[in-house]
Amino acid sequence: MTGPSGTTFTEVTRVACAPEVLFDLSLSIDAHLDSMRRSRERAVAGVTSGTIRLGESVTWRARHFGVMWTMTSQITALERPRRFVDEQVRGPFRVFRHEHRFERDGVVTVMTDTVTLRSPLLGVIVEPLLLRPYMQRLIRTRNAVLVRKAAAASGGRAA
């Protein structure tokens, strides 16, 4: 969906683990770095390893579209183990907001990522054709790593 406030998309991932396991992995700077090896993403300021907490920030540096980008994100809401929100406080987007939700469905945790972004230029053209698909691939890549880590932490099971 693209509108005046930007583009929003949702990714749903199902994992056979407790919500707490996936929630904690999602707040792990180290797990995030593992998932972003392809872009050589690094945490360069703020919380650079371990678990990030409410009100804390991390500054990421990575290469995307052949350009080196720097973005500082802050955890602006946190309700363990149900949801948290990270938002850009400095960086390349006019808006970047990522809400993470975790719900139990039997033995499975349903993780729902809702990302809203707005590019600084040419949003109506760039966001739906280039930026949204690219960001969706990044979220899917990140989530695949989280699924593997959650399975390992939960005795090898993954949905």
N, C-alpha and C. Protein backbone atom coordinates (compact mmCIF):
# COMPACT_ATOMS: atom_id res chain seq x y z
N MET A 1 0.84 -1.17 0.00
CA MET A 1 0.00 0.00 0.00
C MET A 1 0.89 1.24 0.00
N THR A 2 0.59 2.19 -0.87
CA THR A 2 1.32 3.45 -0.94
C THR A 2 0.33 4.59 -0.79
N GLY A 3 0.67 5.54 0.05
CA GLY A 3 -0.21 6.69 0.27
C GLY A 3 0.61 7.89 0.68
N PRO A 4 -0.06 8.97 1.11
CA PRO A 4 0.66 10.19 1.47
C PRO A 4 1.61 10.00 2.65
N SER A 5 1.34 9.01 3.51
CA SER A 5 2.22 8.78 4.65
C SER A 5 3.32 7.79 4.31
N GLY A 6 3.34 7.29 3.07
CA GLY A 6 4.39 6.36 2.65
C GLY A 6 3.83 5.02 2.23
N THR A 7 4.71 4.06 2.19
CA THR A 7 4.39 2.69 1.81
C THR A 7 4.37 1.82 3.05
N THR A 8 3.37 0.96 3.15
CA THR A 8 3.30 0.01 4.27
C THR A 8 3.16 -1.39 3.69
N PHE A 9 3.93 -2.32 4.27
CA PHE A 9 3.78 -3.72 3.92
C PHE A 9 3.88 -4.57 5.18
N THR A 10 3.37 -5.79 5.08
CA THR A 10 3.35 -6.71 6.21
C THR A 10 3.94 -8.04 5.77
N GLU A 11 4.77 -8.62 6.61
CA GLU A 11 5.30 -9.96 6.41
C GLU A 11 4.90 -10.79 7.63
N VAL A 12 4.40 -12.00 7.39
CA VAL A 12 3.99 -12.90 8.46
C VAL A 12 4.88 -14.14 8.41
N THR A 13 5.45 -14.50 9.57
CA THR A 13 6.34 -15.65 9.69
C THR A 13 5.84 -16.51 10.84
N ARG A 14 5.78 -17.82 10.62
CA ARG A 14 5.32 -18.75 11.64
C ARG A 14 6.50 -19.61 12.09
N VAL A 15 6.67 -19.69 13.43
CA VAL A 15 7.81 -20.42 13.99
C VAL A 15 7.34 -21.26 15.17
N ALA A 16 7.75 -22.53 15.18
CA ALA A 16 7.41 -23.42 16.29
C ALA A 16 8.35 -23.15 17.46
N CYS A 17 8.01 -22.11 18.21
CA CYS A 17 8.77 -21.76 19.41
C CYS A 17 7.89 -20.87 20.27
N ALA A 18 8.34 -20.62 21.48
CA ALA A 18 7.61 -19.72 22.37
C ALA A 18 7.78 -18.27 21.87
N PRO A 19 6.77 -17.44 22.05
CA PRO A 19 6.89 -16.04 21.63
C PRO A 19 8.11 -15.34 22.24
N GLU A 20 8.43 -15.68 23.50
CA GLU A 20 9.56 -15.04 24.17
C GLU A 20 10.88 -15.29 23.43
N VAL A 21 11.03 -16.50 22.87
CA VAL A 21 12.26 -16.84 22.16
C VAL A 21 12.41 -15.95 20.93
N LEU A 22 11.37 -15.86 20.14
CA LEU A 22 11.41 -15.07 18.91
C LEU A 22 11.48 -13.57 19.21
N PHE A 23 10.77 -13.14 20.23
CA PHE A 23 10.80 -11.75 20.65
C PHE A 23 12.23 -11.33 21.00
N ASP A 24 12.88 -12.13 21.85
CA ASP A 24 14.24 -11.80 22.29
C ASP A 24 15.23 -11.84 21.13
N LEU A 25 15.09 -12.82 20.25
CA LEU A 25 15.96 -12.87 19.07
C LEU A 25 15.77 -11.64 18.19
N SER A 26 14.55 -11.17 18.09
CA SER A 26 14.26 -10.00 17.25
C SER A 26 14.87 -8.72 17.80
N LEU A 27 15.15 -8.69 19.09
CA LEU A 27 15.80 -7.53 19.71
C LEU A 27 17.32 -7.69 19.78
N SER A 28 17.82 -8.80 19.28
CA SER A 28 19.25 -9.08 19.33
C SER A 28 20.00 -8.38 18.19
N ILE A 29 20.92 -7.51 18.54
CA ILE A 29 21.75 -6.85 17.54
C ILE A 29 22.58 -7.90 16.80
N ASP A 30 23.09 -8.89 17.53
CA ASP A 30 23.93 -9.92 16.93
C ASP A 30 23.16 -10.76 15.90
N ALA A 31 21.92 -11.13 16.22
CA ALA A 31 21.10 -11.89 15.26
C ALA A 31 20.81 -11.05 14.03
N HIS A 32 20.55 -9.77 14.23
CA HIS A 32 20.30 -8.88 13.09
C HIS A 32 21.54 -8.81 12.19
N LEU A 33 22.69 -8.66 12.80
CA LEU A 33 23.93 -8.61 12.02
C LEU A 33 24.15 -9.90 11.24
N ASP A 34 23.87 -11.05 11.86
CA ASP A 34 23.98 -12.33 11.15
C ASP A 34 23.09 -12.36 9.92
N SER A 35 21.90 -11.78 10.03
CA SER A 35 20.94 -11.82 8.93
C SER A 35 21.27 -10.84 7.81
N MET A 36 22.12 -9.87 8.09
CA MET A 36 22.43 -8.83 7.10
C MET A 36 23.87 -8.90 6.60
N ARG A 37 24.45 -10.08 6.64
CA ARG A 37 25.85 -10.24 6.18
C ARG A 37 26.04 -9.82 4.73
N ARG A 38 25.04 -10.06 3.90
CA ARG A 38 25.17 -9.76 2.48
C ARG A 38 25.42 -8.27 2.22
N SER A 39 24.76 -7.42 3.01
CA SER A 39 24.96 -5.97 2.84
C SER A 39 26.09 -5.45 3.72
N ARG A 40 26.76 -6.37 4.40
CA ARG A 40 27.87 -6.01 5.30
C ARG A 40 27.44 -4.97 6.33
N GLU A 41 26.22 -5.13 6.80
CA GLU A 41 25.69 -4.20 7.79
C GLU A 41 26.49 -4.29 9.08
N ARG A 42 26.73 -3.12 9.68
CA ARG A 42 27.46 -3.05 10.94
C ARG A 42 26.70 -2.14 11.89
N ALA A 43 26.80 -2.43 13.17
CA ALA A 43 26.28 -1.54 14.21
C ALA A 43 27.46 -0.69 14.65
N VAL A 44 27.37 0.63 14.43
CA VAL A 44 28.53 1.50 14.63
C VAL A 44 28.40 2.46 15.82
N ALA A 45 27.22 2.58 16.40
CA ALA A 45 27.05 3.47 17.55
C ALA A 45 25.80 3.04 18.32
N GLY A 46 25.69 3.51 19.55
CA GLY A 46 24.57 3.12 20.40
C GLY A 46 24.79 1.70 20.88
N VAL A 47 23.74 0.90 20.91
CA VAL A 47 23.84 -0.50 21.30
C VAL A 47 24.39 -1.26 20.09
N THR A 48 25.59 -1.80 20.20
CA THR A 48 26.23 -2.44 19.04
C THR A 48 26.32 -3.95 19.17
N SER A 49 25.89 -4.51 20.30
CA SER A 49 25.83 -5.97 20.46
C SER A 49 24.87 -6.27 21.60
N GLY A 50 24.48 -7.53 21.69
CA GLY A 50 23.55 -7.92 22.74
C GLY A 50 22.13 -7.51 22.41
N THR A 51 21.34 -7.26 23.44
CA THR A 51 19.92 -6.95 23.29
C THR A 51 19.67 -5.47 23.44
N ILE A 52 18.93 -4.92 22.51
CA ILE A 52 18.53 -3.50 22.60
C ILE A 52 17.23 -3.43 23.40
N ARG A 53 17.07 -2.36 24.16
CA ARG A 53 15.92 -2.21 25.06
C ARG A 53 15.15 -0.92 24.75
N LEU A 54 14.01 -0.77 25.40
CA LEU A 54 13.16 0.39 25.22
C LEU A 54 13.94 1.67 25.43
N GLY A 55 13.80 2.62 24.48
CA GLY A 55 14.45 3.91 24.57
C GLY A 55 15.88 3.93 24.05
N GLU A 56 16.46 2.75 23.84
CA GLU A 56 17.84 2.68 23.34
C GLU A 56 17.85 2.77 21.82
N SER A 57 19.02 3.14 21.30
CA SER A 57 19.15 3.27 19.85
C SER A 57 20.40 2.55 19.36
N VAL A 58 20.41 2.30 18.06
CA VAL A 58 21.55 1.71 17.38
C VAL A 58 21.71 2.44 16.06
N THR A 59 22.95 2.68 15.68
CA THR A 59 23.23 3.26 14.37
C THR A 59 23.82 2.18 13.49
N TRP A 60 23.15 1.95 12.37
CA TRP A 60 23.55 0.93 11.40
C TRP A 60 24.25 1.59 10.22
N ARG A 61 25.23 0.89 9.69
CA ARG A 61 25.88 1.33 8.45
C ARG A 61 25.91 0.11 7.54
N ALA A 62 25.43 0.30 6.29
CA ALA A 62 25.36 -0.81 5.34
C ALA A 62 25.35 -0.28 3.92
N ARG A 63 25.66 -1.17 3.00
CA ARG A 63 25.64 -0.83 1.59
C ARG A 63 24.36 -1.42 0.97
N HIS A 64 23.55 -0.52 0.41
CA HIS A 64 22.32 -0.90 -0.30
C HIS A 64 22.28 -0.09 -1.59
N PHE A 65 21.92 -0.74 -2.67
CA PHE A 65 21.86 -0.09 -3.99
C PHE A 65 23.21 0.52 -4.37
N GLY A 66 24.29 -0.09 -3.88
CA GLY A 66 25.63 0.38 -4.21
C GLY A 66 26.07 1.63 -3.46
N VAL A 67 25.26 2.07 -2.49
CA VAL A 67 25.54 3.28 -1.73
C VAL A 67 25.67 2.92 -0.25
N MET A 68 26.62 3.55 0.44
CA MET A 68 26.75 3.35 1.88
C MET A 68 25.72 4.23 2.60
N TRP A 69 24.88 3.61 3.44
CA TRP A 69 23.83 4.31 4.17
C TRP A 69 24.11 4.22 5.66
N THR A 70 23.71 5.23 6.39
CA THR A 70 23.77 5.23 7.85
C THR A 70 22.38 5.59 8.37
N MET A 71 21.89 4.78 9.31
CA MET A 71 20.56 5.00 9.86
C MET A 71 20.58 4.71 11.35
N THR A 72 20.01 5.61 12.14
CA THR A 72 19.88 5.39 13.58
C THR A 72 18.42 5.08 13.88
N SER A 73 18.23 3.93 14.55
CA SER A 73 16.89 3.48 14.94
C SER A 73 16.79 3.44 16.46
N GLN A 74 15.59 3.73 16.95
CA GLN A 74 15.35 3.70 18.39
C GLN A 74 14.16 2.80 18.67
N ILE A 75 14.21 2.07 19.78
CA ILE A 75 13.07 1.27 20.22
C ILE A 75 12.12 2.23 20.93
N THR A 76 10.96 2.46 20.31
CA THR A 76 10.02 3.47 20.82
C THR A 76 8.83 2.87 21.57
N ALA A 77 8.63 1.56 21.46
CA ALA A 77 7.57 0.86 22.20
C ALA A 77 8.06 -0.56 22.43
N LEU A 78 7.75 -1.12 23.61
CA LEU A 78 8.17 -2.48 23.91
C LEU A 78 7.22 -3.06 24.95
N GLU A 79 6.56 -4.17 24.59
CA GLU A 79 5.65 -4.88 25.48
C GLU A 79 6.00 -6.37 25.37
N ARG A 80 7.00 -6.80 26.13
CA ARG A 80 7.48 -8.18 26.06
C ARG A 80 6.41 -9.15 26.52
N PRO A 81 6.14 -10.20 25.81
CA PRO A 81 6.71 -10.67 24.54
C PRO A 81 5.77 -10.46 23.37
N ARG A 82 4.93 -9.42 23.42
CA ARG A 82 3.89 -9.26 22.40
C ARG A 82 4.26 -8.34 21.24
N ARG A 83 4.97 -7.23 21.52
CA ARG A 83 5.26 -6.31 20.42
C ARG A 83 6.36 -5.34 20.81
N PHE A 84 7.02 -4.85 19.78
CA PHE A 84 7.90 -3.70 19.94
C PHE A 84 7.96 -2.96 18.62
N VAL A 85 8.41 -1.71 18.70
CA VAL A 85 8.49 -0.84 17.53
C VAL A 85 9.88 -0.22 17.49
N ASP A 86 10.49 -0.25 16.30
CA ASP A 86 11.70 0.52 16.11
C ASP A 86 11.42 1.54 15.01
N GLU A 87 11.97 2.75 15.22
CA GLU A 87 11.74 3.84 14.28
C GLU A 87 13.04 4.57 14.00
N GLN A 88 13.19 4.99 12.75
CA GLN A 88 14.35 5.79 12.38
C GLN A 88 14.26 7.15 13.08
N VAL A 89 15.37 7.54 13.71
CA VAL A 89 15.45 8.88 14.29
C VAL A 89 16.42 9.75 13.50
N ARG A 90 17.26 9.11 12.69
CA ARG A 90 18.17 9.83 11.80
C ARG A 90 18.52 8.88 10.66
N GLY A 91 18.46 9.37 9.44
CA GLY A 91 18.82 8.51 8.32
C GLY A 91 18.19 8.90 7.01
N PRO A 92 18.18 7.96 6.07
CA PRO A 92 17.83 8.28 4.70
C PRO A 92 16.33 8.41 4.41
N PHE A 93 15.47 7.95 5.31
CA PHE A 93 14.04 7.96 5.03
C PHE A 93 13.38 9.17 5.67
N ARG A 94 12.28 9.60 5.06
CA ARG A 94 11.43 10.59 5.74
C ARG A 94 10.75 9.91 6.91
N VAL A 95 10.31 8.66 6.68
CA VAL A 95 9.66 7.85 7.71
C VAL A 95 10.17 6.43 7.56
N PHE A 96 10.54 5.81 8.67
CA PHE A 96 10.80 4.37 8.72
C PHE A 96 10.35 3.89 10.08
N ARG A 97 9.29 3.07 10.07
CA ARG A 97 8.71 2.53 11.31
C ARG A 97 8.49 1.04 11.10
N HIS A 98 9.00 0.24 12.04
CA HIS A 98 8.90 -1.22 11.94
C HIS A 98 8.26 -1.73 13.23
N GLU A 99 7.01 -2.21 13.10
CA GLU A 99 6.32 -2.81 14.24
C GLU A 99 6.45 -4.32 14.15
N HIS A 100 6.85 -4.92 15.27
CA HIS A 100 7.03 -6.38 15.38
C HIS A 100 5.96 -6.88 16.35
N ARG A 101 5.13 -7.83 15.91
CA ARG A 101 4.10 -8.42 16.78
C ARG A 101 4.32 -9.93 16.87
N PHE A 102 4.03 -10.48 18.05
CA PHE A 102 4.24 -11.90 18.31
C PHE A 102 3.00 -12.45 19.00
N GLU A 103 2.37 -13.46 18.37
CA GLU A 103 1.16 -14.06 18.94
C GLU A 103 1.29 -15.57 18.91
N ARG A 104 0.87 -16.20 19.98
CA ARG A 104 0.88 -17.66 20.03
C ARG A 104 -0.34 -18.20 19.31
N ASP A 105 -0.12 -19.24 18.48
CA ASP A 105 -1.20 -19.95 17.79
C ASP A 105 -0.90 -21.44 17.97
N GLY A 106 -1.36 -22.00 19.08
CA GLY A 106 -1.02 -23.38 19.40
C GLY A 106 0.44 -23.47 19.81
N VAL A 107 1.21 -24.33 19.11
CA VAL A 107 2.64 -24.46 19.40
C VAL A 107 3.48 -23.52 18.55
N VAL A 108 2.81 -22.71 17.74
CA VAL A 108 3.50 -21.83 16.80
C VAL A 108 3.38 -20.38 17.28
N THR A 109 4.45 -19.63 17.06
CA THR A 109 4.40 -18.19 17.25
C THR A 109 4.26 -17.54 15.88
N VAL A 110 3.30 -16.65 15.75
CA VAL A 110 3.10 -15.90 14.52
C VAL A 110 3.76 -14.54 14.73
N MET A 111 4.79 -14.27 13.93
CA MET A 111 5.49 -13.00 13.99
C MET A 111 5.03 -12.17 12.80
N THR A 112 4.50 -10.99 13.09
CA THR A 112 4.01 -10.11 12.04
C THR A 112 4.86 -8.84 12.06
N ASP A 113 5.52 -8.58 10.93
CA ASP A 113 6.32 -7.38 10.75
C ASP A 113 5.51 -6.42 9.89
N THR A 114 5.26 -5.22 10.39
CA THR A 114 4.61 -4.20 9.60
C THR A 114 5.58 -3.03 9.48
N VAL A 115 5.96 -2.74 8.24
CA VAL A 115 6.95 -1.71 7.97
C VAL A 115 6.27 -0.58 7.20
N THR A 116 6.44 0.64 7.70
CA THR A 116 6.00 1.83 7.00
C THR A 116 7.23 2.65 6.68
N LEU A 117 7.37 3.02 5.41
CA LEU A 117 8.51 3.83 5.02
C LEU A 117 8.09 4.88 4.03
N ARG A 118 8.84 5.94 4.03
CA ARG A 118 8.61 7.02 3.07
C ARG A 118 9.97 7.53 2.65
N SER A 119 10.21 7.46 1.36
CA SER A 119 11.49 7.92 0.84
C SER A 119 11.50 9.44 0.74
N PRO A 120 12.69 10.03 0.77
CA PRO A 120 12.75 11.49 0.73
C PRO A 120 12.41 12.08 -0.65
N LEU A 121 12.64 11.31 -1.71
CA LEU A 121 12.41 11.81 -3.07
C LEU A 121 11.65 10.79 -3.90
N LEU A 122 10.83 11.23 -4.79
CA LEU A 122 10.17 10.38 -5.78
C LEU A 122 9.44 9.19 -5.17
N GLY A 123 8.85 9.39 -3.99
CA GLY A 123 8.21 8.29 -3.28
C GLY A 123 7.14 7.56 -4.07
N VAL A 124 6.32 8.29 -4.80
CA VAL A 124 5.23 7.67 -5.54
C VAL A 124 5.75 6.66 -6.56
N ILE A 125 6.92 6.93 -7.13
CA ILE A 125 7.50 6.02 -8.12
C ILE A 125 8.43 5.01 -7.47
N VAL A 126 9.33 5.47 -6.63
CA VAL A 126 10.39 4.63 -6.07
C VAL A 126 9.87 3.63 -5.05
N GLU A 127 8.99 4.06 -4.17
CA GLU A 127 8.55 3.19 -3.07
C GLU A 127 7.91 1.90 -3.55
N PRO A 128 6.88 1.92 -4.39
CA PRO A 128 6.24 0.65 -4.75
C PRO A 128 7.05 -0.20 -5.73
N LEU A 129 7.83 0.42 -6.59
CA LEU A 129 8.53 -0.33 -7.63
C LEU A 129 9.89 -0.86 -7.20
N LEU A 130 10.55 -0.15 -6.33
CA LEU A 130 11.92 -0.52 -5.98
C LEU A 130 12.11 -0.72 -4.48
N LEU A 131 11.74 0.25 -3.69
CA LEU A 131 12.04 0.24 -2.27
C LEU A 131 11.26 -0.82 -1.50
N ARG A 132 9.95 -0.90 -1.71
CA ARG A 132 9.15 -1.89 -0.99
C ARG A 132 9.60 -3.31 -1.29
N PRO A 133 9.76 -3.72 -2.57
CA PRO A 133 10.22 -5.10 -2.82
C PRO A 133 11.60 -5.38 -2.21
N TYR A 134 12.48 -4.40 -2.27
CA TYR A 134 13.82 -4.57 -1.70
C TYR A 134 13.74 -4.76 -0.18
N MET A 135 12.96 -3.93 0.49
CA MET A 135 12.81 -4.04 1.94
C MET A 135 12.10 -5.32 2.34
N GLN A 136 11.14 -5.76 1.54
CA GLN A 136 10.46 -7.02 1.83
C GLN A 136 11.46 -8.18 1.77
N ARG A 137 12.35 -8.17 0.79
CA ARG A 137 13.38 -9.22 0.71
C ARG A 137 14.30 -9.17 1.93
N LEU A 138 14.67 -7.98 2.37
CA LEU A 138 15.52 -7.87 3.56
C LEU A 138 14.82 -8.43 4.80
N ILE A 139 13.54 -8.11 4.97
CA ILE A 139 12.79 -8.62 6.12
C ILE A 139 12.68 -10.15 6.04
N ARG A 140 12.40 -10.69 4.86
CA ARG A 140 12.31 -12.16 4.69
C ARG A 140 13.65 -12.83 5.00
N THR A 141 14.74 -12.22 4.54
CA THR A 141 16.07 -12.76 4.82
C THR A 141 16.34 -12.74 6.31
N ARG A 142 16.04 -11.61 6.95
CA ARG A 142 16.22 -11.50 8.40
C ARG A 142 15.40 -12.55 9.13
N ASN A 143 14.13 -12.70 8.72
CA ASN A 143 13.25 -13.64 9.40
C ASN A 143 13.69 -15.09 9.21
N ALA A 144 14.25 -15.42 8.05
CA ALA A 144 14.75 -16.79 7.84
C ALA A 144 15.87 -17.11 8.83
N VAL A 145 16.73 -16.15 9.09
CA VAL A 145 17.79 -16.34 10.08
C VAL A 145 17.19 -16.49 11.47
N LEU A 146 16.21 -15.65 11.81
CA LEU A 146 15.56 -15.75 13.12
C LEU A 146 14.87 -17.09 13.29
N VAL A 147 14.25 -17.61 12.23
CA VAL A 147 13.60 -18.94 12.30
C VAL A 147 14.63 -20.01 12.62
N ARG A 148 15.77 -19.98 11.94
CA ARG A 148 16.82 -20.98 12.21
C ARG A 148 17.33 -20.87 13.64
N LYS A 149 17.56 -19.66 14.11
CA LYS A 149 18.04 -19.46 15.48
C LYS A 149 16.99 -19.88 16.51
N ALA A 150 15.73 -19.58 16.24
CA ALA A 150 14.65 -19.97 17.16
C ALA A 150 14.53 -21.48 17.20
N ALA A 151 14.64 -22.13 16.05
CA ALA A 151 14.57 -23.59 16.00
C ALA A 151 15.70 -24.21 16.83
N ALA A 152 16.90 -23.66 16.69
CA ALA A 152 18.04 -24.16 17.45
C ALA A 152 17.82 -23.95 18.95
N ALA A 153 17.25 -22.80 19.32
CA ALA A 153 17.01 -22.50 20.73
C ALA A 153 15.85 -23.33 21.31
N SER A 154 14.98 -23.85 20.41
CA SER A 154 13.80 -24.61 20.85
C SER A 154 13.92 -26.10 20.60
N GLY A 155 15.14 -26.57 20.46
CA GLY A 155 15.35 -28.00 20.28
C GLY A 155 15.21 -28.50 18.87
N GLY A 156 15.42 -27.62 17.87
CA GLY A 156 15.44 -28.06 16.48
C GLY A 156 14.13 -28.01 15.75
N ARG A 157 13.06 -27.55 16.40
CA ARG A 157 11.76 -27.48 15.73
C ARG A 157 11.59 -26.11 15.07
N ALA A 158 11.04 -26.09 13.86
CA ALA A 158 10.67 -24.83 13.20
C ALA A 158 9.49 -25.11 12.31
N ALA A 159 8.54 -24.17 12.27
CA ALA A 159 7.34 -24.35 11.43
C ALA A 159 7.58 -23.77 10.06
